[in-house]
N, C-alpha and C. Protein backbone atom coordinates (compact mmCIF):
# COMPACT_ATOMS: atom_id res chain seq x y z
N MET A 1 0.36 28.19 14.95
CA MET A 1 -0.02 28.36 13.54
C MET A 1 0.70 27.35 12.62
N SER A 2 -0.02 26.73 11.77
CA SER A 2 0.47 25.67 10.92
C SER A 2 1.14 26.33 9.67
N ASP A 3 2.15 25.61 9.17
CA ASP A 3 2.81 26.06 7.94
C ASP A 3 2.09 25.53 6.72
N PHE A 4 1.01 24.78 6.94
CA PHE A 4 0.38 24.18 5.84
C PHE A 4 -0.88 25.04 5.49
N LYS A 5 -1.08 25.37 4.20
CA LYS A 5 -2.20 26.19 3.79
C LYS A 5 -3.49 25.39 3.81
N PHE A 6 -3.45 24.07 3.47
CA PHE A 6 -4.62 23.30 3.23
C PHE A 6 -4.86 22.22 4.39
N ARG A 7 -4.37 22.48 5.58
CA ARG A 7 -4.57 21.61 6.71
C ARG A 7 -3.93 20.24 6.48
N GLU A 8 -2.90 20.18 5.64
CA GLU A 8 -2.27 18.89 5.41
C GLU A 8 -1.78 18.23 6.70
N ASP A 9 -1.30 19.02 7.66
CA ASP A 9 -0.82 18.42 8.92
C ASP A 9 -1.99 17.69 9.63
N GLU A 10 -3.13 18.31 9.67
CA GLU A 10 -4.29 17.70 10.35
C GLU A 10 -4.76 16.47 9.56
N LEU A 11 -4.75 16.62 8.24
CA LEU A 11 -5.24 15.49 7.42
C LEU A 11 -4.27 14.29 7.52
N MET A 12 -2.94 14.62 7.58
CA MET A 12 -2.01 13.53 7.72
C MET A 12 -2.15 12.79 9.07
N GLU A 13 -2.51 13.57 10.06
CA GLU A 13 -2.77 12.98 11.43
C GLU A 13 -3.99 12.12 11.38
N GLU A 14 -5.03 12.59 10.70
CA GLU A 14 -6.28 11.78 10.53
C GLU A 14 -5.91 10.42 9.81
N LEU A 15 -5.12 10.50 8.76
CA LEU A 15 -4.64 9.34 8.06
C LEU A 15 -3.85 8.41 8.99
N ARG A 16 -2.92 8.94 9.73
CA ARG A 16 -2.15 8.16 10.64
C ARG A 16 -3.06 7.44 11.65
N GLU A 17 -4.04 8.11 12.16
CA GLU A 17 -4.93 7.52 13.14
C GLU A 17 -5.80 6.40 12.48
N TYR A 18 -6.22 6.69 11.25
CA TYR A 18 -6.93 5.59 10.52
C TYR A 18 -6.05 4.38 10.30
N ILE A 19 -4.85 4.57 9.81
CA ILE A 19 -3.98 3.39 9.55
C ILE A 19 -3.69 2.65 10.85
N GLU A 20 -3.42 3.40 11.90
CA GLU A 20 -3.23 2.78 13.22
C GLU A 20 -4.46 1.91 13.59
N SER A 21 -5.65 2.34 13.36
CA SER A 21 -6.85 1.58 13.74
C SER A 21 -6.95 0.30 12.94
N THR A 22 -6.39 0.25 11.75
CA THR A 22 -6.56 -0.96 10.92
C THR A 22 -5.75 -2.19 11.53
N TYR A 23 -4.82 -1.91 12.35
CA TYR A 23 -4.03 -2.99 12.90
C TYR A 23 -4.76 -3.78 13.94
N GLY A 24 -5.92 -3.29 14.37
CA GLY A 24 -6.72 -4.11 15.35
C GLY A 24 -7.94 -4.74 14.72
N GLN A 25 -8.06 -4.62 13.39
CA GLN A 25 -9.24 -5.15 12.72
C GLN A 25 -9.09 -6.63 12.33
N HIS A 26 -10.20 -7.21 11.97
CA HIS A 26 -10.34 -8.63 11.80
C HIS A 26 -9.42 -9.28 10.74
N TYR A 27 -8.96 -8.42 9.67
CA TYR A 27 -8.23 -9.05 8.60
C TYR A 27 -6.74 -9.13 8.87
N VAL A 28 -6.32 -8.82 10.08
CA VAL A 28 -4.87 -8.97 10.48
C VAL A 28 -4.76 -10.27 11.15
N GLY A 29 -3.90 -11.18 10.63
CA GLY A 29 -3.76 -12.48 11.23
C GLY A 29 -2.96 -12.49 12.46
N GLY A 30 -2.75 -13.66 13.00
CA GLY A 30 -1.98 -13.85 14.20
C GLY A 30 -2.58 -13.17 15.43
N ASP A 31 -1.69 -12.56 16.23
CA ASP A 31 -2.19 -11.91 17.43
C ASP A 31 -2.57 -10.43 17.20
N GLY A 32 -2.70 -10.07 15.97
CA GLY A 32 -3.04 -8.67 15.60
C GLY A 32 -1.87 -7.74 15.76
N GLY A 33 -2.12 -6.50 15.75
CA GLY A 33 -1.13 -5.47 15.89
C GLY A 33 -0.05 -5.56 14.76
N THR A 34 1.12 -5.05 15.03
CA THR A 34 2.14 -5.12 14.05
C THR A 34 2.78 -6.48 13.89
N ASN A 35 2.50 -7.41 14.79
CA ASN A 35 2.97 -8.80 14.75
C ASN A 35 2.14 -9.70 13.84
N GLY A 36 0.95 -9.25 13.49
CA GLY A 36 0.09 -10.11 12.76
C GLY A 36 0.47 -10.09 11.27
N LEU A 37 0.18 -11.18 10.61
CA LEU A 37 0.46 -11.27 9.18
C LEU A 37 -0.63 -10.67 8.40
N GLN A 38 -0.28 -9.71 7.61
CA GLN A 38 -1.28 -9.09 6.66
C GLN A 38 -1.11 -9.69 5.29
N ILE A 39 -2.22 -9.68 4.55
CA ILE A 39 -2.29 -10.32 3.17
C ILE A 39 -1.28 -9.65 2.27
N GLN A 40 -1.04 -8.36 2.43
CA GLN A 40 -0.08 -7.70 1.63
C GLN A 40 1.37 -8.29 1.71
N GLU A 41 1.61 -8.80 2.85
CA GLU A 41 2.98 -9.48 3.08
C GLU A 41 3.05 -10.77 2.18
N LEU A 42 1.95 -11.52 2.20
CA LEU A 42 1.88 -12.66 1.42
C LEU A 42 2.00 -12.29 -0.12
N PHE A 43 1.23 -11.27 -0.53
CA PHE A 43 1.29 -10.84 -1.86
C PHE A 43 2.66 -10.38 -2.28
N HIS A 44 3.35 -9.70 -1.33
CA HIS A 44 4.74 -9.23 -1.62
C HIS A 44 5.63 -10.44 -1.82
N SER A 45 5.44 -11.48 -1.04
CA SER A 45 6.35 -12.63 -1.12
C SER A 45 6.21 -13.33 -2.48
N ILE A 46 5.07 -13.17 -3.13
CA ILE A 46 4.87 -13.79 -4.43
C ILE A 46 4.88 -12.75 -5.57
N GLY A 47 5.27 -11.52 -5.25
CA GLY A 47 5.52 -10.53 -6.28
C GLY A 47 4.30 -9.77 -6.80
N ILE A 48 3.22 -9.77 -6.08
CA ILE A 48 2.04 -9.04 -6.62
C ILE A 48 1.54 -7.96 -5.67
N ALA A 49 2.30 -7.54 -4.68
CA ALA A 49 1.85 -6.47 -3.75
C ALA A 49 1.70 -5.12 -4.43
N VAL A 50 2.57 -4.83 -5.36
CA VAL A 50 2.53 -3.51 -6.02
C VAL A 50 1.22 -3.36 -6.84
N PRO A 51 0.94 -4.27 -7.78
CA PRO A 51 -0.30 -4.13 -8.51
C PRO A 51 -1.53 -4.23 -7.63
N PHE A 52 -1.50 -5.03 -6.53
CA PHE A 52 -2.58 -5.16 -5.67
C PHE A 52 -2.89 -3.82 -4.97
N CYS A 53 -1.86 -3.20 -4.45
CA CYS A 53 -2.04 -1.90 -3.77
C CYS A 53 -2.47 -0.82 -4.73
N GLN A 54 -1.87 -0.79 -5.89
CA GLN A 54 -2.26 0.21 -6.98
C GLN A 54 -3.73 0.02 -7.34
N ALA A 55 -4.19 -1.23 -7.52
CA ALA A 55 -5.53 -1.49 -7.93
C ALA A 55 -6.55 -1.08 -6.85
N ASN A 56 -6.18 -1.36 -5.58
CA ASN A 56 -7.07 -1.05 -4.50
C ASN A 56 -7.11 0.51 -4.22
N ALA A 57 -6.02 1.22 -4.44
CA ALA A 57 -6.09 2.65 -4.36
C ALA A 57 -7.01 3.24 -5.40
N ILE A 58 -6.86 2.73 -6.61
CA ILE A 58 -7.79 3.13 -7.73
C ILE A 58 -9.24 2.82 -7.41
N LYS A 59 -9.45 1.61 -6.85
CA LYS A 59 -10.79 1.19 -6.55
C LYS A 59 -11.45 2.18 -5.56
N TYR A 60 -10.81 2.51 -4.53
CA TYR A 60 -11.40 3.36 -3.52
C TYR A 60 -11.56 4.77 -3.95
N ILE A 61 -10.70 5.27 -4.79
CA ILE A 61 -10.89 6.59 -5.37
C ILE A 61 -12.07 6.57 -6.33
N ALA A 62 -12.20 5.55 -7.12
CA ALA A 62 -13.35 5.41 -8.10
C ALA A 62 -14.63 5.24 -7.33
N ARG A 63 -14.61 4.58 -6.18
CA ARG A 63 -15.83 4.33 -5.40
C ARG A 63 -16.25 5.57 -4.60
N TYR A 64 -15.34 6.52 -4.33
CA TYR A 64 -15.66 7.68 -3.57
C TYR A 64 -16.89 8.42 -4.15
N GLY A 65 -17.87 8.71 -3.34
CA GLY A 65 -19.05 9.43 -3.81
C GLY A 65 -20.14 8.52 -4.38
N LYS A 66 -19.82 7.22 -4.54
CA LYS A 66 -20.81 6.29 -5.09
C LYS A 66 -21.44 5.35 -4.04
N LYS A 67 -20.63 4.86 -3.17
CA LYS A 67 -21.07 3.90 -2.20
C LYS A 67 -21.05 4.56 -0.80
N GLY A 68 -22.22 4.77 -0.30
CA GLY A 68 -22.35 5.45 1.01
C GLY A 68 -22.11 6.93 0.90
N GLY A 69 -22.35 7.52 -0.26
CA GLY A 69 -22.20 8.92 -0.40
C GLY A 69 -20.74 9.35 -0.45
N ARG A 70 -20.46 10.50 0.02
CA ARG A 70 -19.07 10.95 0.08
C ARG A 70 -18.36 10.36 1.28
N ASN A 71 -18.07 9.07 1.19
CA ASN A 71 -17.53 8.32 2.26
C ASN A 71 -16.05 8.64 2.53
N ARG A 72 -15.75 9.41 3.50
CA ARG A 72 -14.34 9.77 3.82
C ARG A 72 -13.42 8.59 3.97
N LYS A 73 -14.04 7.55 4.49
CA LYS A 73 -13.22 6.29 4.67
C LYS A 73 -12.63 5.76 3.38
N ASP A 74 -13.37 5.89 2.27
CA ASP A 74 -12.84 5.49 0.98
C ASP A 74 -11.59 6.25 0.67
N LEU A 75 -11.52 7.56 0.97
CA LEU A 75 -10.35 8.33 0.73
C LEU A 75 -9.15 7.90 1.60
N LEU A 76 -9.51 7.61 2.85
CA LEU A 76 -8.44 7.12 3.75
C LEU A 76 -7.94 5.76 3.31
N LYS A 77 -8.79 4.96 2.83
CA LYS A 77 -8.32 3.59 2.35
C LYS A 77 -7.45 3.76 1.12
N ALA A 78 -7.91 4.65 0.21
CA ALA A 78 -7.05 4.91 -0.99
C ALA A 78 -5.67 5.46 -0.60
N LEU A 79 -5.63 6.35 0.27
CA LEU A 79 -4.31 6.92 0.75
C LEU A 79 -3.50 5.80 1.36
N HIS A 80 -4.10 4.96 2.22
CA HIS A 80 -3.42 3.88 2.88
C HIS A 80 -2.75 2.96 1.82
N TYR A 81 -3.57 2.60 0.83
CA TYR A 81 -3.02 1.71 -0.22
C TYR A 81 -1.94 2.44 -0.98
N ALA A 82 -2.06 3.74 -1.22
CA ALA A 82 -0.98 4.44 -1.87
C ALA A 82 0.36 4.45 -1.08
N ILE A 83 0.21 4.55 0.28
CA ILE A 83 1.43 4.43 1.13
C ILE A 83 2.00 3.04 1.11
N LEU A 84 1.13 2.02 1.14
CA LEU A 84 1.66 0.66 1.03
C LEU A 84 2.30 0.43 -0.29
N LEU A 85 1.78 1.04 -1.40
CA LEU A 85 2.41 0.95 -2.70
C LEU A 85 3.77 1.53 -2.66
N MET A 86 3.91 2.67 -2.08
CA MET A 86 5.22 3.33 -1.91
C MET A 86 6.19 2.46 -1.11
N TYR A 87 5.65 1.84 -0.07
CA TYR A 87 6.57 0.92 0.74
C TYR A 87 7.05 -0.23 -0.11
N PHE A 88 6.13 -0.95 -0.79
CA PHE A 88 6.53 -2.11 -1.53
C PHE A 88 7.42 -1.76 -2.71
N GLU A 89 7.19 -0.61 -3.36
CA GLU A 89 8.06 -0.14 -4.44
C GLU A 89 9.48 0.12 -3.88
N ASP A 90 9.54 0.77 -2.73
CA ASP A 90 10.82 1.03 -2.09
C ASP A 90 11.50 -0.24 -1.72
N ASP A 91 10.78 -1.19 -1.13
CA ASP A 91 11.40 -2.46 -0.75
C ASP A 91 11.94 -3.17 -1.94
N ILE A 92 11.28 -3.14 -3.12
CA ILE A 92 11.74 -3.87 -4.29
C ILE A 92 13.04 -3.11 -4.80
N SER A 93 12.95 -1.79 -4.76
CA SER A 93 14.09 -1.00 -5.27
C SER A 93 15.32 -1.26 -4.41
N GLU A 94 15.14 -1.34 -3.15
CA GLU A 94 16.26 -1.58 -2.19
C GLU A 94 16.87 -2.91 -2.39
N LYS A 95 16.06 -3.93 -2.73
CA LYS A 95 16.57 -5.28 -2.94
C LYS A 95 17.28 -5.40 -4.25
N THR A 96 16.92 -4.59 -5.24
CA THR A 96 17.58 -4.72 -6.56
C THR A 96 18.69 -3.70 -6.74
N LEU A 97 18.81 -2.74 -5.81
CA LEU A 97 19.86 -1.75 -5.91
C LEU A 97 21.18 -2.40 -5.92
N GLY A 98 21.93 -2.05 -6.99
CA GLY A 98 23.29 -2.66 -7.07
C GLY A 98 23.38 -3.97 -7.77
N GLN A 99 22.23 -4.60 -7.97
CA GLN A 99 22.27 -5.89 -8.69
C GLN A 99 22.31 -5.57 -10.22
N GLU A 100 23.17 -6.31 -10.87
CA GLU A 100 23.19 -6.18 -12.36
C GLU A 100 22.12 -7.03 -12.94
N GLU A 101 21.61 -6.58 -14.01
CA GLU A 101 20.62 -7.37 -14.79
C GLU A 101 21.38 -8.31 -15.72
N PHE A 102 21.06 -9.55 -15.64
CA PHE A 102 21.70 -10.56 -16.47
C PHE A 102 20.76 -10.93 -17.63
N VAL A 103 21.34 -11.03 -18.76
CA VAL A 103 20.55 -11.55 -19.94
C VAL A 103 21.15 -12.83 -20.34
N PHE A 104 20.23 -13.84 -20.34
CA PHE A 104 20.73 -15.13 -20.72
C PHE A 104 20.39 -15.41 -22.23
N VAL A 105 21.43 -15.83 -22.93
CA VAL A 105 21.18 -16.06 -24.37
C VAL A 105 21.32 -17.55 -24.57
N THR A 106 20.36 -18.14 -25.19
CA THR A 106 20.39 -19.54 -25.44
C THR A 106 20.65 -19.74 -26.92
N GLU A 107 21.48 -20.62 -27.29
CA GLU A 107 21.82 -20.91 -28.67
C GLU A 107 21.18 -22.19 -29.11
N ASN A 108 20.67 -22.23 -30.31
CA ASN A 108 20.10 -23.40 -30.85
C ASN A 108 21.20 -24.33 -31.33
N VAL A 109 21.35 -25.42 -30.56
CA VAL A 109 22.42 -26.33 -30.91
C VAL A 109 21.79 -27.57 -31.55
N ASP A 110 22.21 -27.86 -32.76
CA ASP A 110 21.67 -29.03 -33.49
C ASP A 110 22.54 -30.17 -33.40
């Protein structure tokens, strides 16, 4: 018997299986799998992974019910992007933890 009222454990397993399946798809570079370069890694390196993931999560939620009917895959994609968003936010927070913010003041010297 599950401790979850709304089958969350089953739904999380479905999401895990979906995410795992994405590692063998065409948009993963290199030799695929977890060793392949994903575009989110490039976006993270130039500082745009967070808004990219947020925008894509919103896109798939907004698209749900419009393209292909009630396409469950849109929900899985939205959840995947939300998880990626959490990852990149955490990564940014870990890198800035303990760093002081410096404010540079420039003076007008005549």
